[in-house]
Amino acid sequence: MLNKWLDKFAENTTRKQARFTSRRSFLRKFGVVLMGASVYPLMPVFRDGAFAQEPKNIPESGDPNDCNYWRHCAIDGFMCGCCGGSVSSCPPGTVVSDITWIGTCRNPEDGKDYVISYNDCCGKSGCGSCLCQRDEGDTPVYRPQNSNNLNWCSGSQADIPYHCSLSVVIGVKES
């Protein structure tokens, strides 16, 4: 009895859908879904592996705890160097967020543009030292992968507070 009802329901639903859509319409919508699914991994939110290895031999000058340090061109938050960590490592007792925002900053020492991954360190309440907000290249929140105004800790684990932000060089921008 249940099988007959389910078969009838599936048949009626399919026939109703067929009356209001064409094969071309279905193929177009299916194509849009496939394209969207294939483009999603290419979005510029750097996941898993932001700390693979910083490139070696990057010429550095200046104070990494200064808001005007070259790596901080798109940072928004407390700099981890003032909170017990460094420009590229979280303080003890915190964990790095799984997702990040990225930016491109010019190193004045060699004139090259570097891709910077801005990771939030999570697990303790806000550090409260060395607040820095530089919005070069920031976009509105409707493009979250390029926005620095989000709590990226919420993408890692439930109810884990934000502590500070890192500026990790992940590569050289290729022309």
Protein backbone atom coordinates (compact mmCIF):
# COMPACT_ATOMS: atom_id res chain seq x y z
CA MET A 1 0.00 0.00 0.00
CA LEU A 2 2.79 2.42 0.95
CA ASN A 3 4.78 1.44 -2.14
CA LYS A 4 1.83 2.21 -4.44
CA TRP A 5 1.35 5.60 -2.79
CA LEU A 6 5.07 6.41 -3.07
CA ASP A 7 5.16 5.31 -6.73
CA LYS A 8 2.09 7.38 -7.54
CA PHE A 9 3.50 10.43 -5.72
CA ALA A 10 6.84 10.15 -7.56
CA GLU A 11 5.07 9.73 -10.91
CA ASN A 12 2.76 12.71 -10.36
CA THR A 13 5.63 14.92 -9.18
CA THR A 14 7.77 13.97 -12.17
CA ARG A 15 4.92 14.51 -14.65
CA LYS A 16 4.07 17.90 -13.11
CA GLN A 17 7.73 18.96 -13.32
CA ALA A 18 7.90 17.79 -16.93
CA ARG A 19 4.87 19.91 -17.88
CA PHE A 20 6.49 23.11 -16.59
CA THR A 21 10.09 22.64 -17.68
CA SER A 22 11.86 21.66 -20.86
CA ARG A 23 14.93 19.48 -21.30
CA ARG A 24 16.93 22.55 -22.26
CA SER A 25 15.86 24.34 -19.12
CA PHE A 26 16.86 21.35 -17.02
CA LEU A 27 20.23 21.04 -18.78
CA ARG A 28 20.88 24.77 -18.35
CA LYS A 29 20.20 24.62 -14.61
CA PHE A 30 22.23 21.45 -14.25
CA GLY A 31 25.11 23.11 -16.12
CA VAL A 32 25.00 26.13 -13.80
CA VAL A 33 25.19 23.84 -10.77
CA LEU A 34 28.15 21.95 -12.25
CA MET A 35 29.99 25.17 -13.08
CA GLY A 36 29.36 26.57 -9.60
CA ALA A 37 30.61 23.38 -7.97
CA SER A 38 33.76 23.38 -10.08
CA VAL A 39 34.58 27.05 -9.34
CA TYR A 40 34.02 26.86 -5.56
CA PRO A 41 37.47 25.40 -4.71
CA LEU A 42 39.11 28.25 -6.64
CA MET A 43 37.72 30.95 -4.36
CA PRO A 44 40.51 32.90 -2.67
CA VAL A 45 39.91 31.69 0.86
CA PHE A 46 43.00 29.72 1.80
CA ARG A 47 42.09 26.57 3.70
CA ASP A 48 44.18 23.85 5.35
CA GLY A 49 47.85 24.31 4.78
CA ALA A 50 48.31 28.04 5.17
CA PHE A 51 51.33 27.18 7.29
CA ALA A 52 52.98 24.71 4.95
CA GLN A 53 56.20 26.73 4.83
CA GLU A 54 56.99 30.40 4.50
CA PRO A 55 59.28 31.12 1.55
CA LYS A 56 62.92 31.42 2.58
CA ASN A 57 65.13 34.47 2.11
CA ILE A 58 62.45 37.15 2.23
CA PRO A 59 64.24 40.42 2.90
CA GLU A 60 62.74 41.89 6.06
CA SER A 61 63.12 45.29 7.65
CA GLY A 62 61.07 47.17 10.20
CA ASP A 63 59.24 46.20 13.34
CA PRO A 64 56.73 43.32 12.87
CA ASN A 65 54.73 44.72 15.81
CA ASP A 66 54.24 48.06 14.04
CA CYS A 67 50.93 48.49 12.23
CA ASN A 68 52.79 49.97 9.23
CA TYR A 69 54.94 46.84 8.77
CA TRP A 70 54.72 45.76 5.13
CA ARG A 71 52.99 42.39 5.81
CA HIS A 72 50.09 44.07 7.61
CA CYS A 73 48.63 45.85 4.55
CA ALA A 74 45.24 44.11 4.92
CA ILE A 75 45.18 43.08 8.57
CA ASP A 76 42.31 43.81 10.92
CA GLY A 77 42.80 42.87 14.55
CA PHE A 78 45.38 42.49 17.28
CA MET A 79 48.85 41.57 16.02
CA CYS A 80 50.01 38.26 17.52
CA GLY A 81 53.56 39.54 17.97
CA CYS A 82 52.29 41.74 20.81
CA CYS A 83 50.26 38.91 22.31
CA GLY A 84 52.93 36.29 22.96
CA GLY A 85 53.28 34.90 19.45
CA SER A 86 55.01 36.21 16.36
CA VAL A 87 54.06 37.58 12.95
CA SER A 88 53.63 33.97 11.74
CA SER A 89 52.91 31.85 14.84
CA CYS A 90 50.08 31.82 17.37
CA PRO A 91 50.66 32.47 21.07
CA PRO A 92 50.62 29.46 23.42
CA GLY A 93 47.12 28.33 24.34
CA THR A 94 45.59 29.38 21.01
CA VAL A 95 44.96 27.53 17.76
CA VAL A 96 45.08 28.85 14.24
CA SER A 97 41.77 29.21 12.38
CA ASP A 98 41.10 26.74 9.58
CA ILE A 99 40.08 29.45 7.12
CA THR A 100 41.74 32.76 6.34
CA TRP A 101 41.51 35.88 4.26
CA ILE A 102 44.30 36.67 1.88
CA GLY A 103 45.88 39.83 0.55
CA THR A 104 48.80 40.96 -1.55
CA CYS A 105 51.40 43.28 -0.02
CA ARG A 106 54.47 44.91 -1.54
CA ASN A 107 57.75 44.36 0.29
CA PRO A 108 59.68 47.65 0.14
CA GLU A 109 63.01 45.82 0.50
CA ASP A 110 62.84 43.92 -2.80
CA GLY A 111 59.87 45.59 -4.54
CA LYS A 112 58.05 42.26 -4.96
CA ASP A 113 54.41 41.62 -4.18
CA TYR A 114 53.80 38.74 -1.76
CA VAL A 115 50.59 36.81 -1.10
CA ILE A 116 49.81 37.06 2.61
CA SER A 117 47.50 34.72 4.51
CA TYR A 118 45.87 36.45 7.46
CA ASN A 119 44.98 33.82 10.03
CA ASP A 120 43.16 34.40 13.27
CA CYS A 121 44.47 32.71 16.39
CA CYS A 122 41.56 31.44 18.44
CA GLY A 123 40.95 30.06 21.90
CA LYS A 124 41.47 32.95 24.30
CA SER A 125 39.63 36.25 24.62
CA GLY A 126 40.88 39.22 22.59
CA CYS A 127 44.50 40.13 23.26
CA GLY A 128 43.86 43.86 23.60
CA SER A 129 47.36 44.93 22.47
CA CYS A 130 48.55 46.36 19.15
CA LEU A 131 45.21 46.79 17.42
CA CYS A 132 45.79 47.36 13.72
CA GLN A 133 43.20 47.96 11.03
CA ARG A 134 44.47 48.42 7.50
CA ASP A 135 41.95 47.85 4.78
CA GLU A 136 44.00 47.81 1.57
CA GLY A 137 42.10 45.62 -0.88
CA ASP A 138 39.28 44.90 1.55
CA THR A 139 35.91 44.27 -0.04
CA PRO A 140 32.35 44.45 1.29
CA VAL A 141 31.09 41.58 3.41
CA TYR A 142 29.06 40.19 0.51
CA ARG A 143 32.44 38.93 -0.80
CA PRO A 144 33.56 37.31 2.46
CA GLN A 145 36.63 35.59 1.01
CA ASN A 146 38.25 39.04 0.58
CA SER A 147 36.88 40.71 3.68
CA ASN A 148 38.87 41.23 6.86
CA ASN A 149 35.83 42.21 8.94
CA LEU A 150 34.71 38.70 9.80
CA ASN A 151 35.43 36.55 12.82
CA TRP A 152 37.29 33.75 11.03
CA CYS A 153 37.41 31.72 14.27
CA SER A 154 33.72 30.94 13.89
CA GLY A 155 34.59 28.89 10.79
CA SER A 156 36.93 26.66 12.78
CA GLN A 157 35.12 25.36 15.84
CA ALA A 158 31.94 26.24 17.66
CA ASP A 159 32.10 29.03 20.25
CA ILE A 160 35.85 29.64 20.11
CA PRO A 161 36.84 33.27 20.75
CA TYR A 162 39.18 35.42 18.66
CA HIS A 163 42.57 36.31 20.19
CA CYS A 164 44.89 37.84 17.54
CA SER A 165 45.84 37.78 13.84
CA LEU A 166 48.88 36.51 11.92
CA SER A 167 50.44 37.71 8.65
CA VAL A 168 51.97 34.66 6.99
CA VAL A 169 53.70 34.92 3.61
CA ILE A 170 52.47 32.04 1.44
CA GLY A 171 54.10 32.95 -1.84
CA VAL A 172 55.30 35.53 -4.32
CA LYS A 173 52.70 37.08 -6.60
CA GLU A 174 53.39 36.01 -10.16
CA SER A 175 52.96 38.60 -12.89
